[in-house]
Every structure is written in structure tokens, then in C-alpha cells.
């Protein structure tokens, strides 16, 4: 369904997917990264491994999650095994074999993970530029847009303006991502948090983006992840 209304992950485009805390932004982005970078995953409904398409060079930029957490999520998605089972080393029948197969899928895939916990605009550009040059990256998952001490310092030094508001900084990051997508002909998927208004909003739109609704001005597709309501189910 998403591919239908977005025409897939198009090069030179930036997609934004926003959600409240603990809804699953990172896991959803991991799933997308897997569909870009790996050729197969296990389908429980079919009881078999299914083809995801050709493996494309993909960069996953983690700004909050540690490498170990990301690797666990990758294994869980590809093997279709609960993360809890992996962390506790307690598997149901057939799961350990699927994990072994998932490890091989990851080894043969084309995913590069870069941790960038305290980043600047320069860090974002150099990380993407280097991986485009060295690995031919076509798809980038940037998890997720937020301010950092380093970016505050960088912008203050470059502009001579101190105390820039969060919305201005987030807008500058979104501008940078859009510029990089156009410059290098790549697809970029990123995410933001929602503000508290999502709980009562009748129409979910850019006004729910936490920090700066102006981020939406620079993206080509915007999506908001919300829990299903009773009204949704009736509809």
C-alpha cells in the first residue's frame, strides 16, 4: 500500500515518517532498511523465506540506538523471531535455525551502519558523502531528526547567532538532507517525534511534528504513525 501511494523509495527524494515515543519509528525504519539491503526474510504466515528484491547499497545512520540494539532488530526482522527470544537466548522450535540463516543474509547483504549520537550538519554531509563514494550508497535511513549540542555549536559559530530556536535548527537539518538527496541522487528516509497534540487531533498533519512543522516543507512524502482507534476500525 505504501509503495502504491509513494511510488516506492524514489531516488532524489526525502520521506519523513513521524510518530510518538515508543510507537516503533526505529523498528519500522530497520524493516525498510532490510527491504533495501537484503534479499530475503522469513514469512511466518507462509512458513518460508520470501524474496525481498535485489540488495541495494544502504546506509543506516543511528543517532540514539547502539550498534548491538540495531543488530538485534535486524536479526528479529529477517528471521521473524521475537527480540526477547534473541536477548534471552530462549528460542522456540525452528527459531535458532532461522537466526543462523539471518546472520548469513546480513553477511551477504549491503547494509552499512553508522553511529552518530552527537552530530553536526558537517557530520551528516561527510558521512553520507563518504559512503556514497566508498560504497555506492543509494538509500539512506537517518534515525532520527533532533537537535544536538554539536549542531547547536556549529550553527552558532557559522552564523554568529546564539540561542537559535529548535524549529530553526530542525528546519536546517531537513534542508541539508534534501540538498544531499538531490546532489548525490539518493533516497533518504528519516523520522521525527510528534508533539502531545497527536492525542486529540482530528486531522493528523504537519502541525503534530514536535519542534518544527516547517520540516514538512522540505520532504517529498510525509507520514504519521498512530495507534488504530475505534473510529478507524469502524471505518
Protein backbone atom coordinates (compact mmCIF):
# COMPACT_ATOMS: atom_id res chain seq x y z
CA UNK A 1 0.00 0.00 0.00
CA UNK A 2 2.80 2.44 0.87
CA UNK A 3 4.56 1.66 -2.39
CA UNK A 4 1.34 2.38 -4.24
CA UNK A 5 0.87 5.92 -2.97
CA UNK A 6 4.59 6.83 -2.78
CA UNK A 7 5.70 5.01 -5.97
CA UNK A 8 8.34 3.31 -3.84
CA UNK A 9 11.58 4.71 -2.42
CA UNK A 10 12.45 7.19 -5.19
CA UNK A 11 15.96 8.50 -5.67
CA UNK A 12 16.46 12.24 -5.06
CA UNK A 13 13.52 12.19 -2.62
CA UNK A 14 13.24 12.58 1.16
CA UNK A 15 10.49 10.77 3.05
CA UNK A 16 9.56 11.65 6.62
CA UNK A 17 7.76 9.28 8.98
CA UNK A 18 6.75 10.66 12.37
CA UNK A 19 5.37 9.00 15.47
CA UNK A 20 5.06 9.40 19.21
CA UNK A 21 7.64 7.94 21.59
CA UNK A 22 7.76 4.12 21.74
CA UNK A 23 5.42 3.62 18.79
CA UNK A 24 8.14 1.95 16.73
CA UNK A 25 9.87 4.51 14.49
CA UNK A 26 13.24 2.80 14.67
CA UNK A 27 11.85 -0.70 14.14
CA UNK A 28 9.86 0.49 11.15
CA UNK A 29 12.99 2.09 9.72
CA UNK A 30 15.00 -1.07 10.35
CA UNK A 31 12.36 -3.00 8.40
CA UNK A 32 12.70 -0.57 5.50
CA UNK A 33 16.50 -0.79 5.61
CA UNK A 34 16.21 -4.59 5.44
CA UNK A 35 13.95 -4.39 2.40
CA UNK A 36 16.55 -2.19 0.69
CA UNK A 37 19.74 -4.01 1.67
CA UNK A 38 18.85 -7.72 1.96
CA UNK A 39 17.41 -10.23 -0.48
CA UNK A 40 15.15 -12.32 1.77
CA UNK A 41 13.33 -12.59 5.08
CA UNK A 42 11.26 -15.28 6.79
CA UNK A 43 7.46 -15.07 6.43
CA UNK A 44 5.68 -16.83 9.31
CA UNK A 45 2.34 -16.84 7.53
CA UNK A 46 3.80 -18.67 4.54
CA UNK A 47 6.23 -20.68 6.66
CA UNK A 48 9.09 -19.97 4.27
CA UNK A 49 11.76 -17.48 3.27
CA UNK A 50 10.47 -14.88 0.83
CA UNK A 51 12.36 -12.77 -1.72
CA UNK A 52 12.61 -9.05 -0.86
CA UNK A 53 14.15 -7.94 -4.13
CA UNK A 54 17.74 -7.17 -5.10
CA UNK A 55 20.11 -5.94 -2.39
CA UNK A 56 20.90 -2.23 -2.78
CA UNK A 57 23.76 -0.39 -1.00
CA UNK A 58 22.12 1.15 2.09
CA UNK A 59 23.34 3.34 4.94
CA UNK A 60 21.61 3.30 8.34
CA UNK A 61 22.59 6.30 10.50
CA UNK A 62 21.76 5.71 14.17
CA UNK A 63 21.57 8.80 16.37
CA UNK A 64 20.23 7.12 19.52
CA UNK A 65 20.39 3.33 19.28
CA UNK A 66 23.60 1.43 19.93
CA UNK A 67 25.02 -0.99 17.38
CA UNK A 68 24.07 -4.06 19.43
CA UNK A 69 20.43 -2.97 19.62
CA UNK A 70 20.30 -2.40 15.88
CA UNK A 71 21.84 -5.80 15.14
CA UNK A 72 19.22 -7.49 17.33
CA UNK A 73 16.43 -5.70 15.49
CA UNK A 74 17.92 -6.74 12.14
CA UNK A 75 18.03 -10.39 13.18
CA UNK A 76 14.49 -10.21 14.60
CA UNK A 77 13.08 -8.78 11.38
CA UNK A 78 14.89 -11.04 8.94
CA UNK A 79 14.32 -14.25 10.91
CA UNK A 80 10.86 -13.18 12.17
CA UNK A 81 11.84 -14.00 15.74
CA UNK A 82 10.94 -12.03 18.88
CA UNK A 83 13.72 -9.75 20.11
CA UNK A 84 13.08 -11.08 23.60
CA UNK A 85 13.88 -14.61 22.44
CA UNK A 86 17.18 -13.38 20.96
CA UNK A 87 18.18 -11.36 24.03
CA UNK A 88 17.32 -14.21 26.41
CA UNK A 89 18.75 -16.91 24.13
CA UNK A 90 15.49 -18.80 24.55
CA UNK A 91 14.14 -20.00 21.21
CA UNK A 92 11.04 -21.82 20.06
CA UNK A 93 11.25 -24.66 17.57
CA UNK A 94 12.93 -23.62 14.35
CA UNK A 95 13.87 -20.12 15.53
CA UNK A 96 17.55 -20.77 16.18
CA UNK A 97 17.95 -22.19 12.66
CA UNK A 98 16.27 -19.08 11.25
CA UNK A 99 18.63 -16.85 13.25
CA UNK A 100 21.62 -18.67 11.78
CA UNK A 101 20.19 -18.14 8.29
CA UNK A 102 19.51 -14.47 9.09
CA UNK A 103 23.16 -14.00 10.10
CA UNK A 104 24.20 -15.28 6.68
CA UNK A 105 21.67 -12.99 4.96
CA UNK A 106 23.16 -9.99 6.80
CA UNK A 107 26.71 -11.01 5.85
CA UNK A 108 25.72 -11.22 2.18
CA UNK A 109 23.68 -8.01 2.28
CA UNK A 110 24.64 -4.42 1.56
CA UNK A 111 23.84 -2.59 4.80
CA UNK A 112 26.29 -0.22 6.47
CA UNK A 113 25.53 1.07 9.97
CA UNK A 114 26.99 4.31 11.26
CA UNK A 115 26.51 5.55 14.82
CA UNK A 116 26.21 9.35 15.00
CA UNK A 117 24.97 10.23 18.51
CA UNK A 118 26.19 13.84 18.63
CA UNK A 119 26.16 15.15 15.08
CA UNK A 120 26.56 18.39 13.18
CA UNK A 121 25.44 19.31 9.67
CA UNK A 122 29.02 18.68 8.59
CA UNK A 123 28.94 15.20 10.12
CA UNK A 124 25.75 14.35 8.25
CA UNK A 125 27.19 15.52 4.93
CA UNK A 126 30.60 13.86 5.36
CA UNK A 127 29.07 10.55 6.49
CA UNK A 128 26.74 10.36 3.51
CA UNK A 129 29.33 11.67 1.03
CA UNK A 130 31.98 9.19 2.19
CA UNK A 131 29.65 6.20 1.96
CA UNK A 132 28.36 7.25 -1.46
CA UNK A 133 31.96 7.47 -2.67
CA UNK A 134 33.28 4.31 -1.00
CA UNK A 135 30.24 2.01 -1.11
CA UNK A 136 27.95 3.43 -3.79
CA UNK A 137 25.15 4.07 -1.28
CA UNK A 138 21.75 4.65 -2.89
CA UNK A 139 19.47 4.51 0.15
CA UNK A 140 19.91 6.28 3.49
CA UNK A 141 17.90 5.76 6.68
CA UNK A 142 18.55 8.60 9.13
CA UNK A 143 17.12 7.79 12.56
CA UNK A 144 16.05 10.45 13.54
CA UNK A 145 15.86 14.30 13.29
CA UNK A 146 16.65 16.05 16.57
CA UNK A 147 18.92 18.78 17.88
CA UNK A 148 22.31 18.08 19.46
CA UNK A 149 24.94 20.06 21.33
CA UNK A 150 27.36 19.73 18.42
CA UNK A 151 24.92 21.11 15.86
CA UNK A 152 23.99 24.00 18.16
CA UNK A 153 27.69 24.92 18.48
CA UNK A 154 28.31 24.55 14.73
CA UNK A 155 25.42 26.77 13.67
CA UNK A 156 26.21 29.39 16.32
CA UNK A 157 29.83 29.59 15.11
CA UNK A 158 28.88 29.73 11.43
CA UNK A 159 26.13 32.33 11.76
CA UNK A 160 27.32 34.28 14.77
CA UNK A 161 23.83 33.87 16.22
CA UNK A 162 23.41 32.30 19.64
CA UNK A 163 20.28 30.79 21.07
CA UNK A 164 18.72 29.62 17.81
CA UNK A 165 15.32 28.05 18.34
CA UNK A 166 14.81 24.30 17.94
CA UNK A 167 12.46 24.77 14.99
CA UNK A 168 15.11 26.73 13.06
CA UNK A 169 17.73 24.03 13.65
CA UNK A 170 15.43 21.18 12.67
CA UNK A 171 14.48 23.04 9.51
CA UNK A 172 18.18 23.45 8.62
CA UNK A 173 18.74 19.70 9.05
CA UNK A 174 15.81 18.91 6.75
CA UNK A 175 17.17 21.37 4.17
CA UNK A 176 20.58 19.66 4.35
CA UNK A 177 19.06 16.20 3.84
CA UNK A 178 17.06 17.39 0.83
CA UNK A 179 20.15 19.03 -0.68
CA UNK A 180 22.16 15.81 -0.22
CA UNK A 181 19.41 13.70 -1.79
CA UNK A 182 19.47 15.92 -4.89
CA UNK A 183 23.24 16.29 -5.03
CA UNK A 184 24.06 12.58 -4.83
CA UNK A 185 20.90 11.15 -6.39
CA UNK A 186 19.99 9.11 -3.31
CA UNK A 187 16.85 8.28 -1.37
CA UNK A 188 16.67 9.43 2.27
CA UNK A 189 14.17 8.20 4.85
CA UNK A 190 14.08 9.96 8.22
CA UNK A 191 11.78 10.43 11.19
CA UNK A 192 10.68 12.86 13.90
CA UNK A 193 8.78 12.76 17.16
CA UNK A 194 5.21 14.01 17.50
CA UNK A 195 4.09 16.64 19.98
CA UNK A 196 1.37 15.99 22.58
CA UNK A 197 -1.39 17.26 20.26
CA UNK A 198 -1.50 13.91 18.43
CA UNK A 199 -3.69 12.51 21.23
CA UNK A 200 -6.56 14.87 20.44
CA UNK A 201 -6.01 15.90 16.82
CA UNK A 202 -8.90 15.21 14.47
CA UNK A 203 -6.73 15.58 11.37
CA UNK A 204 -3.10 14.43 11.78
CA UNK A 205 -0.85 16.72 9.71
CA UNK A 206 2.43 18.65 9.91
CA UNK A 207 1.17 20.59 12.93
CA UNK A 208 1.80 17.47 15.01
CA UNK A 209 5.56 17.42 14.32
CA UNK A 210 7.46 18.15 17.51
CA UNK A 211 9.86 21.07 17.31
CA UNK A 212 9.11 22.36 13.83
CA UNK A 213 6.23 21.82 11.43
CA UNK A 214 8.42 23.56 8.82
CA UNK A 215 10.34 20.27 8.43
CA UNK A 216 7.44 19.15 6.25
CA UNK A 217 8.23 21.91 3.74
CA UNK A 218 11.37 20.10 2.56
CA UNK A 219 10.15 16.50 2.35
CA UNK A 220 8.57 14.80 -0.65
CA UNK A 221 6.39 12.39 1.34
CA UNK A 222 5.22 12.79 4.93
CA UNK A 223 3.68 10.02 7.04
CA UNK A 224 2.42 9.89 10.62
CA UNK A 225 2.25 6.62 12.56
CA UNK A 226 -0.65 6.47 15.02
CA UNK A 227 -2.30 3.71 17.02
CA UNK A 228 -5.53 2.43 15.49
CA UNK A 229 -8.63 3.92 17.15
CA UNK A 230 -12.13 2.51 17.46
CA UNK A 231 -13.24 5.01 14.80
CA UNK A 232 -10.53 3.71 12.46
CA UNK A 233 -11.67 0.13 12.97
CA UNK A 234 -15.30 1.02 12.26
CA UNK A 235 -14.27 2.91 9.12
